[in-house]
Amino acid sequence: MKKILGVLLALIFSSNIAFAAHDEWTDDDTKRQAVYLVFHTIDWGQTRYIATHPEDMYETNPILGK
């Protein structure tokens, strides 16, 4: 547990090193982010539904298996 906490703290405190190449957020960036969030939310909802109804749906990918 201490190791996981240490890694999380290291990631949090080192995250300020990463920064965007552009200084301004454009309207196009906002539109792209909004579309991403809509699709991500739909995927999240589908995942939650499948997780609560395992008898109706299952993984068909042969590599992952049922």
Protein backbone atom coordinates (compact mmCIF):
# COMPACT_ATOMS: atom_id res chain seq x y z
CA MET A 1 0.00 0.00 0.00
CA LYS A 2 2.82 2.41 0.82
CA LYS A 3 4.42 1.68 -2.54
CA ILE A 4 1.20 2.50 -4.41
CA LEU A 5 0.75 5.68 -2.40
CA GLY A 6 4.35 6.68 -3.14
CA VAL A 7 3.86 6.15 -6.87
CA LEU A 8 0.63 8.17 -6.85
CA LEU A 9 2.26 11.03 -4.98
CA ALA A 10 5.21 10.99 -7.38
CA LEU A 11 2.84 11.20 -10.33
CA ILE A 12 0.85 14.01 -8.78
CA PHE A 13 3.91 16.12 -7.97
CA SER A 14 5.61 15.46 -11.28
CA SER A 15 2.51 16.25 -13.34
CA ASN A 16 3.39 19.94 -13.48
CA ILE A 17 6.30 19.03 -15.76
CA ALA A 18 3.88 18.14 -18.57
CA PHE A 19 2.41 21.13 -20.35
CA ALA A 20 0.62 21.89 -23.59
CA ALA A 21 2.54 23.16 -26.58
CA HIS A 22 -0.06 25.87 -27.16
CA ASP A 23 -0.87 28.62 -24.74
CA GLU A 24 -4.48 29.10 -25.77
CA TRP A 25 -7.50 26.77 -25.79
CA THR A 26 -9.46 27.36 -29.01
CA ASP A 27 -13.13 26.83 -29.78
CA ASP A 28 -12.17 23.83 -31.90
CA ASP A 29 -10.34 22.33 -28.93
CA THR A 30 -13.47 22.78 -26.83
CA LYS A 31 -15.62 21.07 -29.48
CA ARG A 32 -13.23 18.13 -29.74
CA GLN A 33 -13.14 17.75 -25.97
CA ALA A 34 -16.93 17.87 -25.76
CA VAL A 35 -17.29 15.16 -28.43
CA TYR A 36 -14.71 13.01 -26.65
CA LEU A 37 -16.54 13.38 -23.33
CA VAL A 38 -19.86 12.39 -24.92
CA PHE A 39 -18.37 9.23 -26.46
CA HIS A 40 -16.46 8.42 -23.29
CA THR A 41 -19.64 8.75 -21.21
CA ILE A 42 -21.55 6.49 -23.62
CA ASP A 43 -18.79 3.88 -23.38
CA TRP A 44 -18.80 4.13 -19.59
CA GLY A 45 -22.57 3.61 -19.50
CA GLN A 46 -22.35 0.58 -21.78
CA THR A 47 -19.60 -0.91 -19.63
CA ARG A 48 -21.65 -0.43 -16.47
CA TYR A 49 -24.70 -2.01 -18.10
CA ILE A 50 -22.74 -5.02 -19.31
CA ALA A 51 -21.13 -5.44 -15.88
CA THR A 52 -24.55 -5.57 -14.22
CA HIS A 53 -26.01 -7.97 -16.84
CA PRO A 54 -23.33 -10.62 -17.36
CA GLU A 55 -25.94 -13.26 -18.20
CA ASP A 56 -27.08 -11.30 -21.27
CA MET A 57 -23.72 -10.21 -22.69
CA TYR A 58 -20.19 -11.54 -22.76
CA GLU A 59 -16.85 -10.93 -24.48
CA THR A 60 -16.64 -12.48 -27.93
CA ASN A 61 -12.97 -11.71 -28.53
CA PRO A 62 -11.24 -15.12 -28.75
CA ILE A 63 -8.05 -13.73 -27.21
CA LEU A 64 -9.81 -12.38 -24.13
CA GLY A 65 -12.27 -15.26 -23.84
CA LYS A 66 -15.64 -15.31 -22.14
